[in-house]
Amino acid sequence: MIPTQSERVTRRIARGVALAAALVIGGSAEGHAQSVLLRIQPRVGDTMYTRFEQSVEMVGTRNIHSVDTTMTSRMDIMILSHSLVQGSDGHGTTVLAITDSVSMEGHGTGATAPTESIRHAMEGRQARLHIARDGSAELLDASDDVTPEVEALYSGMPATLPEKFVSVRSTWERTAFIPVSQESDTAHSARVRTTYRLDSLSGNGALAYISIHGTISRDSAAALVSESLRVGSTGTVTGHMTMDRKHGWWVQSEISITIKSIVTRIVEPVSTMQVQTHILQSMQTRISP
């Protein structure tokens, strides 16, 4: 059996990276001839209805006293939500995000996550965000019973959009840090470095098709996340997204994340665990004026 604390740390890495990839907030594109300037610019009064699905598969092998024990688990989640565009200023947009429903199902020998408590912590909750032009977000206020994890999720959304005009086949890079322990500094985080590419525009220019390729790294030599655990991780992020330039929002995305982690227990009984995590995400959004 994988230690509870080890499993929790590994899930935090996977969940954090997954959410960082999934919560790329869209922008509109203004530009001339062969180039566009990507900026967040949803219209005040618009409502975005989103269906988000995620599947997380984990296989963990723990070695203790030369004996291997394997655990497998899978968690499926579907979230229906809608976001109301409440206001806009020279620096960004204010959005009220509301989670309408959450369904979760766990499978496998390691499927021990408290799905009902997670669902309850998310369903029906509201959060008001200020989203900057580059895609970074600030949590303005939230429901009184929103959990610290949900608050951290909204507050930690990184910048994703390019600073300058880009043309088809142009690329830009962004780096984010995902906490893997109770500490929030970069020394206790995994680094996600992502390259975005504007692959093409639709015939009338209304849609922008963007691909992403990224790496995840956590140096095991500096990866002490508690007094008893050390975690080193590497991984990849790939996917594609479709942006509605007219409404300034993502309308579709498919993301795949693969993470390989080594979790070492450095107190007795000393043990090593190798964990492979595969995350698949999909998102579809309908925009209503």
C-alpha atoms as a PDB file:
ATOM      1  CA  MET A   1       0.000   0.000   0.000  1.00  0.00           C
ATOM      2  CA  ILE A   2       1.380   3.410  -0.929  1.00  0.00           C
ATOM      3  CA  PRO A   3       1.697   5.725   2.061  1.00  0.00           C
ATOM      4  CA  THR A   4      -1.187   8.169   2.323  1.00  0.00           C
ATOM      5  CA  GLN A   5       1.121  11.182   2.471  1.00  0.00           C
ATOM      6  CA  SER A   6       3.056  10.049  -0.601  1.00  0.00           C
ATOM      7  CA  GLU A   7      -0.140   9.547  -2.553  1.00  0.00           C
ATOM      8  CA  ARG A   8      -1.383  12.977  -1.523  1.00  0.00           C
ATOM      9  CA  VAL A   9       1.822  14.706  -2.623  1.00  0.00           C
ATOM     10  CA  THR A  10       1.824  12.933  -5.986  1.00  0.00           C
ATOM     11  CA  ARG A  11      -1.834  13.740  -6.600  1.00  0.00           C
ATOM     12  CA  ARG A  12      -1.124  17.380  -5.757  1.00  0.00           C
ATOM     13  CA  ILE A  13       1.558  17.531  -8.452  1.00  0.00           C
ATOM     14  CA  ALA A  14      -0.698  15.934 -11.063  1.00  0.00           C
ATOM     15  CA  ARG A  15      -3.711  18.012 -10.136  1.00  0.00           C
ATOM     16  CA  GLY A  16      -1.772  21.246 -10.021  1.00  0.00           C
ATOM     17  CA  VAL A  17      -0.138  20.735 -13.399  1.00  0.00           C
ATOM     18  CA  ALA A  18      -3.384  19.578 -14.922  1.00  0.00           C
ATOM     19  CA  LEU A  19      -5.255  22.589 -13.713  1.00  0.00           C
ATOM     20  CA  ALA A  20      -2.497  24.913 -14.830  1.00  0.00           C
ATOM     21  CA  ALA A  21      -2.817  23.487 -18.341  1.00  0.00           C
ATOM     22  CA  ALA A  22      -6.623  23.381 -18.275  1.00  0.00           C
ATOM     23  CA  LEU A  23      -7.252  26.876 -16.970  1.00  0.00           C
ATOM     24  CA  VAL A  24      -5.632  28.774 -19.839  1.00  0.00           C
ATOM     25  CA  ILE A  25      -8.018  31.707 -20.170  1.00  0.00           C
ATOM     26  CA  GLY A  26      -8.791  32.929 -23.672  1.00  0.00           C
ATOM     27  CA  GLY A  27      -8.362  36.289 -25.338  1.00  0.00           C
ATOM     28  CA  SER A  28      -9.495  38.111 -28.396  1.00  0.00           C
ATOM     29  CA  ALA A  29      -7.197  38.894 -31.273  1.00  0.00           C
ATOM     30  CA  GLU A  30      -6.796  42.271 -32.819  1.00  0.00           C
ATOM     31  CA  GLY A  31      -4.330  42.836 -35.567  1.00  0.00           C
ATOM     32  CA  HIS A  32      -3.407  43.615 -39.043  1.00  0.00           C
ATOM     33  CA  ALA A  33      -2.839  41.578 -42.187  1.00  0.00           C
ATOM     34  CA  GLN A  34      -0.462  38.805 -41.184  1.00  0.00           C
ATOM     35  CA  SER A  35      -0.302  39.260 -37.411  1.00  0.00           C
ATOM     36  CA  VAL A  36      -2.640  39.350 -34.433  1.00  0.00           C
ATOM     37  CA  LEU A  37      -2.397  40.619 -30.877  1.00  0.00           C
ATOM     38  CA  LEU A  38      -3.892  38.110 -28.472  1.00  0.00           C
ATOM     39  CA  ARG A  39      -5.632  39.734 -25.549  1.00  0.00           C
ATOM     40  CA  ILE A  40      -8.378  38.775 -23.139  1.00  0.00           C
ATOM     41  CA  GLN A  41     -11.402  40.702 -24.264  1.00  0.00           C
ATOM     42  CA  PRO A  42     -14.762  39.023 -23.614  1.00  0.00           C
ATOM     43  CA  ARG A  43     -17.771  41.262 -23.971  1.00  0.00           C
ATOM     44  CA  VAL A  44     -19.498  42.622 -20.888  1.00  0.00           C
ATOM     45  CA  GLY A  45     -22.798  40.760 -20.550  1.00  0.00           C
ATOM     46  CA  ASP A  46     -21.628  37.598 -22.313  1.00  0.00           C
ATOM     47  CA  THR A  47     -22.083  34.238 -20.590  1.00  0.00           C
ATOM     48  CA  MET A  48     -19.723  31.319 -21.250  1.00  0.00           C
ATOM     49  CA  TYR A  49     -21.147  27.830 -20.648  1.00  0.00           C
ATOM     50  CA  THR A  50     -18.373  25.282 -20.225  1.00  0.00           C
ATOM     51  CA  ARG A  51     -18.177  21.501 -20.057  1.00  0.00           C
ATOM     52  CA  PHE A  52     -14.858  20.294 -18.660  1.00  0.00           C
ATOM     53  CA  GLU A  53     -13.861  16.631 -18.461  1.00  0.00           C
ATOM     54  CA  GLN A  54     -10.719  15.152 -16.955  1.00  0.00           C
ATOM     55  CA  SER A  55      -9.422  11.621 -16.528  1.00  0.00           C
ATOM     56  CA  VAL A  56      -6.438  10.947 -14.258  1.00  0.00           C
ATOM     57  CA  GLU A  57      -4.794   7.507 -14.345  1.00  0.00           C
ATOM     58  CA  MET A  58      -2.034   6.655 -11.876  1.00  0.00           C
ATOM     59  CA  VAL A  59       0.166   3.589 -11.544  1.00  0.00           C
ATOM     60  CA  GLY A  60       2.434   3.508  -8.518  1.00  0.00           C
ATOM     61  CA  THR A  61       5.054   0.885  -7.691  1.00  0.00           C
ATOM     62  CA  ARG A  62       6.539   0.965  -4.206  1.00  0.00           C
ATOM     63  CA  ASN A  63       9.712  -0.872  -3.320  1.00  0.00           C
ATOM     64  CA  ILE A  64      10.382  -1.646   0.316  1.00  0.00           C
ATOM     65  CA  HIS A  65      12.819  -4.323   1.471  1.00  0.00           C
ATOM     66  CA  SER A  66      13.206  -5.389  -2.194  1.00  0.00           C
ATOM     67  CA  VAL A  67       9.492  -6.177  -2.481  1.00  0.00           C
ATOM     68  CA  ASP A  68       7.375  -4.338  -5.096  1.00  0.00           C
ATOM     69  CA  THR A  69       3.762  -3.394  -4.459  1.00  0.00           C
ATOM     70  CA  THR A  70       1.713  -1.858  -7.278  1.00  0.00           C
ATOM     71  CA  MET A  71      -1.300   0.392  -6.971  1.00  0.00           C
ATOM     72  CA  THR A  72      -3.496   1.586  -9.831  1.00  0.00           C
ATOM     73  CA  SER A  73      -6.201   4.223  -9.761  1.00  0.00           C
ATOM     74  CA  ARG A  74      -8.329   6.277 -12.089  1.00  0.00           C
ATOM     75  CA  MET A  75     -10.395   9.348 -11.358  1.00  0.00           C
ATOM     76  CA  ASP A  76     -12.922  10.748 -13.843  1.00  0.00           C
ATOM     77  CA  ILE A  77     -14.501  14.143 -13.348  1.00  0.00           C
ATOM     78  CA  MET A  78     -16.957  16.262 -15.322  1.00  0.00           C
ATOM     79  CA  ILE A  79     -17.683  19.876 -14.397  1.00  0.00           C
ATOM     80  CA  LEU A  80     -20.445  22.019 -15.872  1.00  0.00           C
ATOM     81  CA  SER A  81     -20.032  25.712 -15.187  1.00  0.00           C
ATOM     82  CA  HIS A  82     -20.863  29.138 -16.497  1.00  0.00           C
ATOM     83  CA  SER A  83     -19.039  32.448 -16.299  1.00  0.00           C
ATOM     84  CA  LEU A  84     -20.612  35.898 -16.427  1.00  0.00           C
ATOM     85  CA  VAL A  85     -18.588  38.814 -17.785  1.00  0.00           C
ATOM     86  CA  GLN A  86     -19.366  41.609 -15.321  1.00  0.00           C
ATOM     87  CA  GLY A  87     -17.000  44.368 -16.306  1.00  0.00           C
ATOM     88  CA  SER A  88     -13.912  45.467 -18.182  1.00  0.00           C
ATOM     89  CA  ASP A  89     -11.257  48.120 -17.675  1.00  0.00           C
ATOM     90  CA  GLY A  90      -7.941  49.061 -19.212  1.00  0.00           C
ATOM     91  CA  HIS A  91      -6.168  46.261 -17.382  1.00  0.00           C
ATOM     92  CA  GLY A  92      -8.488  43.296 -17.764  1.00  0.00           C
ATOM     93  CA  THR A  93     -11.902  41.762 -17.275  1.00  0.00           C
ATOM     94  CA  THR A  94     -14.005  40.901 -14.219  1.00  0.00           C
ATOM     95  CA  VAL A  95     -15.712  37.508 -14.434  1.00  0.00           C
ATOM     96  CA  LEU A  96     -18.059  35.696 -12.042  1.00  0.00           C
ATOM     97  CA  ALA A  97     -17.385  31.944 -12.334  1.00  0.00           C
ATOM     98  CA  ILE A  98     -20.107  29.591 -11.057  1.00  0.00           C
ATOM     99  CA  THR A  99     -19.780  25.794 -10.804  1.00  0.00           C
ATOM    100  CA  ASP A 100     -23.174  24.315 -11.704  1.00  0.00           C
ATOM    101  CA  SER A 101     -22.545  20.597 -11.254  1.00  0.00           C
ATOM    102  CA  VAL A 102     -19.711  18.173 -10.565  1.00  0.00           C
ATOM    103  CA  SER A 103     -19.677  14.424 -11.163  1.00  0.00           C
ATOM    104  CA  MET A 104     -16.773  12.210 -10.085  1.00  0.00           C
ATOM    105  CA  GLU A 105     -16.017   8.525 -10.185  1.00  0.00           C
ATOM    106  CA  GLY A 106     -12.994   6.648  -8.896  1.00  0.00           C
ATOM    107  CA  HIS A 107     -11.698   3.229  -9.934  1.00  0.00           C
ATOM    108  CA  GLY A 108      -8.836   0.931  -8.989  1.00  0.00           C
ATOM    109  CA  THR A 109      -6.940  -0.300  -5.963  1.00  0.00           C
ATOM    110  CA  GLY A 110      -5.778   3.202  -5.079  1.00  0.00           C
ATOM    111  CA  ALA A 111      -9.032   5.046  -5.687  1.00  0.00           C
ATOM    112  CA  THR A 112      -9.283   6.384  -2.159  1.00  0.00           C
ATOM    113  CA  ALA A 113      -9.949  10.040  -2.861  1.00  0.00           C
ATOM    114  CA  PRO A 114     -13.035  11.347  -1.018  1.00  0.00           C
ATOM    115  CA  THR A 115     -15.027  12.069  -4.171  1.00  0.00           C
ATOM    116  CA  GLU A 116     -18.165  13.177  -2.359  1.00  0.00           C
ATOM    117  CA  SER A 117     -16.350  15.749  -0.227  1.00  0.00           C
ATOM    118  CA  ILE A 118     -14.507  17.080  -3.285  1.00  0.00           C
ATOM    119  CA  ARG A 119     -17.765  17.348  -5.208  1.00  0.00           C
ATOM    120  CA  HIS A 120     -19.408  19.162  -2.308  1.00  0.00           C
ATOM    121  CA  ALA A 121     -16.464  21.554  -2.022  1.00  0.00           C
ATOM    122  CA  MET A 122     -16.836  22.596  -5.669  1.00  0.00           C
ATOM    123  CA  GLU A 123     -20.507  22.352  -6.624  1.00  0.00           C
ATOM    124  CA  GLY A 124     -22.498  25.566  -6.486  1.00  0.00           C
ATOM    125  CA  ARG A 125     -19.486  27.672  -5.521  1.00  0.00           C
ATOM    126  CA  GLN A 126     -18.865  31.121  -6.950  1.00  0.00           C
ATOM    127  CA  ALA A 127     -15.675  33.063  -7.479  1.00  0.00           C
ATOM    128  CA  ARG A 128     -15.191  36.545  -8.887  1.00  0.00           C
ATOM    129  CA  LEU A 129     -11.944  36.999 -10.801  1.00  0.00           C
ATOM    130  CA  HIS A 130     -10.054  39.827 -12.414  1.00  0.00           C
ATOM    131  CA  ILE A 131      -8.324  38.403 -15.496  1.00  0.00           C
ATOM    132  CA  ALA A 132      -5.470  40.467 -16.887  1.00  0.00           C
ATOM    133  CA  ARG A 133      -4.869  40.935 -20.608  1.00  0.00           C
ATOM    134  CA  ASP A 134      -2.070  38.359 -20.561  1.00  0.00           C
ATOM    135  CA  GLY A 135      -4.254  35.637 -19.003  1.00  0.00           C
ATOM    136  CA  SER A 136      -3.102  35.842 -15.382  1.00  0.00           C
ATOM    137  CA  ALA A 137      -5.892  35.986 -12.806  1.00  0.00           C
ATOM    138  CA  GLU A 138      -6.512  37.513  -9.395  1.00  0.00           C
ATOM    139  CA  LEU A 139      -9.207  36.179  -7.065  1.00  0.00           C
ATOM    140  CA  LEU A 140     -11.330  39.143  -5.956  1.00  0.00           C
ATOM    141  CA  ASP A 141     -13.802  37.295  -3.751  1.00  0.00           C
ATOM    142  CA  ALA A 142     -15.439  33.879  -3.438  1.00  0.00           C
ATOM    143  CA  SER A 143     -18.160  31.960  -1.600  1.00  0.00           C
ATOM    144  CA  ASP A 144     -17.552  31.819   2.147  1.00  0.00           C
ATOM    145  CA  ASP A 145     -17.195  28.041   2.078  1.00  0.00           C
ATOM    146  CA  VAL A 146     -14.773  27.852  -0.829  1.00  0.00           C
ATOM    147  CA  THR A 147     -11.830  25.636   0.151  1.00  0.00           C
ATOM    148  CA  PRO A 148      -8.229  26.912   0.274  1.00  0.00           C
ATOM    149  CA  GLU A 149      -7.415  24.587  -2.649  1.00  0.00           C
ATOM    150  CA  VAL A 150     -10.058  26.234  -4.852  1.00  0.00           C
ATOM    151  CA  GLU A 151      -8.849  29.696  -3.818  1.00  0.00           C
ATOM    152  CA  ALA A 152      -5.267  28.722  -4.676  1.00  0.00           C
ATOM    153  CA  LEU A 153      -6.436  27.373  -8.030  1.00  0.00           C
ATOM    154  CA  TYR A 154      -8.046  30.639  -9.098  1.00  0.00           C
ATOM    155  CA  SER A 155      -5.327  32.856  -7.648  1.00  0.00           C
ATOM    156  CA  GLY A 156      -2.505  30.860  -9.229  1.00  0.00           C
ATOM    157  CA  MET A 157      -3.576  31.049 -12.876  1.00  0.00           C
ATOM    158  CA  PRO A 158      -0.457  32.129 -14.797  1.00  0.00           C
ATOM    159  CA  ALA A 159      -0.011  34.404 -17.788  1.00  0.00           C
ATOM    160  CA  THR A 160      -0.354  32.464 -21.032  1.00  0.00           C
ATOM    161  CA  LEU A 161      -0.749  34.952 -23.875  1.00  0.00           C
ATOM    162  CA  PRO A 162       2.071  36.541 -25.900  1.00  0.00           C
ATOM    163  CA  GLU A 163       3.123  40.089 -25.139  1.00  0.00           C
ATOM    164  CA  LYS A 164       3.491  41.136 -28.784  1.00  0.00           C
ATOM    165  CA  PHE A 165       1.823  40.622 -32.155  1.00  0.00           C
ATOM    166  CA  VAL A 166       2.193  37.099 -33.533  1.00  0.00           C
ATOM    167  CA  SER A 167       1.597  35.578 -36.950  1.00  0.00           C
ATOM    168  CA  VAL A 168       0.758  32.065 -38.104  1.00  0.00           C
ATOM    169  CA  ARG A 169       3.581  29.670 -37.102  1.00  0.00           C
ATOM    170  CA  SER A 170       4.841  32.095 -34.445  1.00  0.00           C
ATOM    171  CA  THR A 171       5.667  30.643 -31.018  1.00  0.00           C
ATOM    172  CA  TRP A 172       5.915  32.062 -27.504  1.00  0.00           C
ATOM    173  CA  GLU A 173       6.883  30.614 -24.154  1.00  0.00           C
ATOM    174  CA  ARG A 174       5.453  30.839 -20.669  1.00  0.00           C
ATOM    175  CA  THR A 175       6.682  29.365 -17.380  1.00  0.00           C
ATOM    176  CA  ALA A 176       4.580  28.569 -14.304  1.00  0.00           C
ATOM    177  CA  PHE A 177       5.400  27.057 -10.924  1.00  0.00           C
ATOM    178  CA  ILE A 178       3.055  24.515  -9.347  1.00  0.00           C
ATOM    179  CA  PRO A 179       3.287  23.951  -5.561  1.00  0.00           C
ATOM    180  CA  VAL A 180       3.967  20.365  -4.445  1.00  0.00           C
ATOM    181  CA  SER A 181       3.955  21.047  -0.708  1.00  0.00           C
ATOM    182  CA  GLN A 182       2.332  23.383   1.781  1.00  0.00           C
ATOM    183  CA  GLU A 183       4.948  26.008   0.917  1.00  0.00           C
ATOM    184  CA  SER A 184       4.190  28.288  -2.027  1.00  0.00           C
ATOM    185  CA  ASP A 185       7.662  29.467  -3.055  1.00  0.00           C
ATOM    186  CA  THR A 186       9.440  28.232  -6.180  1.00  0.00           C
ATOM    187  CA  ALA A 187      11.799  26.058  -4.119  1.00  0.00           C
ATOM    188  CA  HIS A 188       8.792  23.887  -3.225  1.00  0.00           C
ATOM    189  CA  SER A 189       7.294  23.842  -6.718  1.00  0.00           C
ATOM    190  CA  ALA A 190       7.452  21.978  -9.991  1.00  0.00           C
ATOM    191  CA  ARG A 191       8.241  24.094 -13.048  1.00  0.00           C
ATOM    192  CA  VAL A 192       5.994  23.953 -16.111  1.00  0.00           C
ATOM    193  CA  ARG A 193       7.584  25.479 -19.215  1.00  0.00           C
ATOM    194  CA  THR A 194       5.198  25.657 -22.164  1.00  0.00           C
ATOM    195  CA  THR A 195       5.631  26.656 -25.795  1.00  0.00           C
ATOM    196  CA  TYR A 196       2.521  27.884 -27.618  1.00  0.00           C
ATOM    197  CA  ARG A 197       2.233  28.020 -31.412  1.00  0.00           C
ATOM    198  CA  LEU A 198      -0.341  29.792 -33.553  1.00  0.00           C
ATOM    199  CA  ASP A 199      -0.879  27.025 -36.099  1.00  0.00           C
ATOM    200  CA  SER A 200      -3.507  28.664 -38.290  1.00  0.00           C
ATOM    201  CA  LEU A 201      -6.536  30.922 -38.579  1.00  0.00           C
ATOM    202  CA  SER A 202      -9.879  29.940 -40.058  1.00  0.00           C
ATOM    203  CA  GLY A 203     -10.773  31.183 -43.523  1.00  0.00           C
ATOM    204  CA  ASN A 204     -12.619  34.222 -42.215  1.00  0.00           C
ATOM    205  CA  GLY A 205     -10.170  34.685 -39.358  1.00  0.00           C
ATOM    206  CA  ALA A 206     -12.828  34.135 -36.679  1.00  0.00           C
ATOM    207  CA  LEU A 207     -11.066  31.157 -35.105  1.00  0.00           C
ATOM    208  CA  ALA A 208      -7.439  30.758 -34.052  1.00  0.00           C
ATOM    209  CA  TYR A 209      -5.938  27.275 -33.721  1.00  0.00           C
ATOM    210  CA  ILE A 210      -3.127  27.009 -31.189  1.00  0.00           C
ATOM    211  CA  SER A 211      -0.980  24.015 -30.203  1.00  0.00           C
ATOM    212  CA  ILE A 212       0.980  23.610 -26.990  1.00  0.00           C
ATOM    213  CA  HIS A 213       4.057  21.584 -26.024  1.00  0.00           C
ATOM    214  CA  GLY A 214       5.567  21.776 -22.584  1.00  0.00           C
ATOM    215  CA  THR A 215       7.818  20.151 -20.015  1.00  0.00           C
ATOM    216  CA  ILE A 216       7.416  19.597 -16.297  1.00  0.00           C
ATOM    217  CA  SER A 217      10.431  19.349 -14.011  1.00  0.00           C
ATOM    218  CA  ARG A 218      11.120  18.999 -10.324  1.00  0.00           C
ATOM    219  CA  ASP A 219      14.751  18.475  -9.270  1.00  0.00           C
ATOM    220  CA  SER A 220      14.848  15.535  -6.858  1.00  0.00           C
ATOM    221  CA  ALA A 221      18.022  16.901  -5.264  1.00  0.00           C
ATOM    222  CA  ALA A 222      16.042  19.871  -3.944  1.00  0.00           C
ATOM    223  CA  ALA A 223      12.660  18.198  -3.684  1.00  0.00           C
ATOM    224  CA  LEU A 224      12.214  17.736   0.040  1.00  0.00           C
ATOM    225  CA  VAL A 225       8.481  18.381   0.458  1.00  0.00           C
ATOM    226  CA  SER A 226       8.224  17.286   4.088  1.00  0.00           C
ATOM    227  CA  GLU A 227      10.429  15.937   6.850  1.00  0.00           C
ATOM    228  CA  SER A 228       9.937  12.425   5.544  1.00  0.00           C
ATOM    229  CA  LEU A 229       9.352  12.693   1.778  1.00  0.00           C
ATOM    230  CA  ARG A 230      11.399  13.695  -1.244  1.00  0.00           C
ATOM    231  CA  VAL A 231       9.743  13.982  -4.670  1.00  0.00           C
ATOM    232  CA  GLY A 232      11.349  14.346  -8.097  1.00  0.00           C
ATOM    233  CA  SER A 233       9.186  14.678 -11.200  1.00  0.00           C
ATOM    234  CA  THR A 234       9.450  15.071 -14.957  1.00  0.00           C
ATOM    235  CA  GLY A 235       6.725  15.211 -17.525  1.00  0.00           C
ATOM    236  CA  THR A 236       5.261  16.567 -20.726  1.00  0.00           C
ATOM    237  CA  VAL A 237       2.228  18.599 -21.738  1.00  0.00           C
ATOM    238  CA  THR A 238       0.791  18.509 -25.268  1.00  0.00           C
ATOM    239  CA  GLY A 239      -2.472  19.611 -26.787  1.00  0.00           C
ATOM    240  CA  HIS A 240      -4.383  22.016 -28.964  1.00  0.00           C
ATOM    241  CA  MET A 241      -6.912  24.780 -28.389  1.00  0.00           C
ATOM    242  CA  THR A 242      -9.366  26.765 -30.463  1.00  0.00           C
ATOM    243  CA  MET A 243      -9.979  30.422 -29.728  1.00  0.00           C
ATOM    244  CA  ASP A 244     -13.052  32.392 -30.779  1.00  0.00           C
ATOM    245  CA  ARG A 245     -11.444  35.696 -31.733  1.00  0.00           C
ATOM    246  CA  LYS A 246     -14.737  37.542 -31.958  1.00  0.00           C
ATOM    247  CA  HIS A 247     -15.794  36.756 -28.400  1.00  0.00           C
ATOM    248  CA  GLY A 248     -12.288  36.522 -26.951  1.00  0.00           C
ATOM    249  CA  TRP A 249     -12.549  33.120 -25.297  1.00  0.00           C
ATOM    250  CA  TRP A 250     -11.453  29.511 -25.728  1.00  0.00           C
ATOM    251  CA  VAL A 251     -14.204  27.368 -27.224  1.00  0.00           C
ATOM    252  CA  GLN A 252     -12.419  24.002 -27.380  1.00  0.00           C
ATOM    253  CA  SER A 253      -9.305  22.306 -26.045  1.00  0.00           C
ATOM    254  CA  GLU A 254      -7.724  18.857 -25.763  1.00  0.00           C
ATOM    255  CA  ILE A 255      -4.790  18.468 -23.370  1.00  0.00           C
ATOM    256  CA  SER A 256      -2.621  15.431 -22.538  1.00  0.00           C
ATOM    257  CA  ILE A 257      -0.242  15.431 -19.562  1.00  0.00           C
ATOM    258  CA  THR A 258       2.203  12.685 -18.613  1.00  0.00           C
ATOM    259  CA  ILE A 259       4.156  12.813 -15.344  1.00  0.00           C
ATOM    260  CA  LYS A 260       6.794  10.443 -13.985  1.00  0.00           C
ATOM    261  CA  SER A 261       7.592  10.874 -10.304  1.00  0.00           C
ATOM    262  CA  ILE A 262       9.908   9.237  -7.814  1.00  0.00           C
ATOM    263  CA  VAL A 263       8.719   9.535  -4.221  1.00  0.00           C
ATOM    264  CA  THR A 264      11.320   8.594  -1.603  1.00  0.00           C
ATOM    265  CA  ARG A 265      10.512   8.058   2.050  1.00  0.00           C
ATOM    266  CA  ILE A 266      13.678   9.063   3.905  1.00  0.00           C
ATOM    267  CA  VAL A 267      12.691   7.871   7.379  1.00  0.00           C
ATOM    268  CA  GLU A 268      12.135   4.328   8.547  1.00  0.00           C
ATOM    269  CA  PRO A 269      10.825   2.286   6.946  1.00  0.00           C
ATOM    270  CA  VAL A 270      12.778   3.733   4.004  1.00  0.00           C
ATOM    271  CA  SER A 271      11.066   3.095   0.669  1.00  0.00           C
ATOM    272  CA  THR A 272      10.978   4.296  -2.931  1.00  0.00           C
ATOM    273  CA  MET A 273       7.882   4.671  -5.065  1.00  0.00           C
ATOM    274  CA  GLN A 274       7.692   5.276  -8.809  1.00  0.00           C
ATOM    275  CA  VAL A 275       4.474   6.856 -10.005  1.00  0.00           C
ATOM    276  CA  GLN A 276       3.326   7.361 -13.584  1.00  0.00           C
ATOM    277  CA  THR A 277       0.394   9.717 -14.078  1.00  0.00           C
ATOM    278  CA  HIS A 278      -1.510  10.304 -17.298  1.00  0.00           C
ATOM    279  CA  ILE A 279      -4.063  13.103 -17.486  1.00  0.00           C
ATOM    280  CA  LEU A 280      -6.472  13.718 -20.348  1.00  0.00           C
ATOM    281  CA  GLN A 281      -8.558  16.874 -20.445  1.00  0.00           C
ATOM    282  CA  SER A 282     -11.180  18.203 -22.800  1.00  0.00           C
ATOM    283  CA  MET A 283     -13.147  21.433 -22.735  1.00  0.00           C
ATOM    284  CA  GLN A 284     -15.988  22.805 -24.826  1.00  0.00           C
ATOM    285  CA  THR A 285     -17.510  26.256 -24.351  1.00  0.00           C
ATOM    286  CA  ARG A 286     -20.656  27.834 -25.767  1.00  0.00           C
ATOM    287  CA  ILE A 287     -20.825  31.625 -25.660  1.00  0.00           C
ATOM    288  CA  SER A 288     -24.155  33.398 -25.282  1.00  0.00           C
ATOM    289  CA  PRO A 289     -24.350  37.197 -25.725  1.00  0.00           C
END
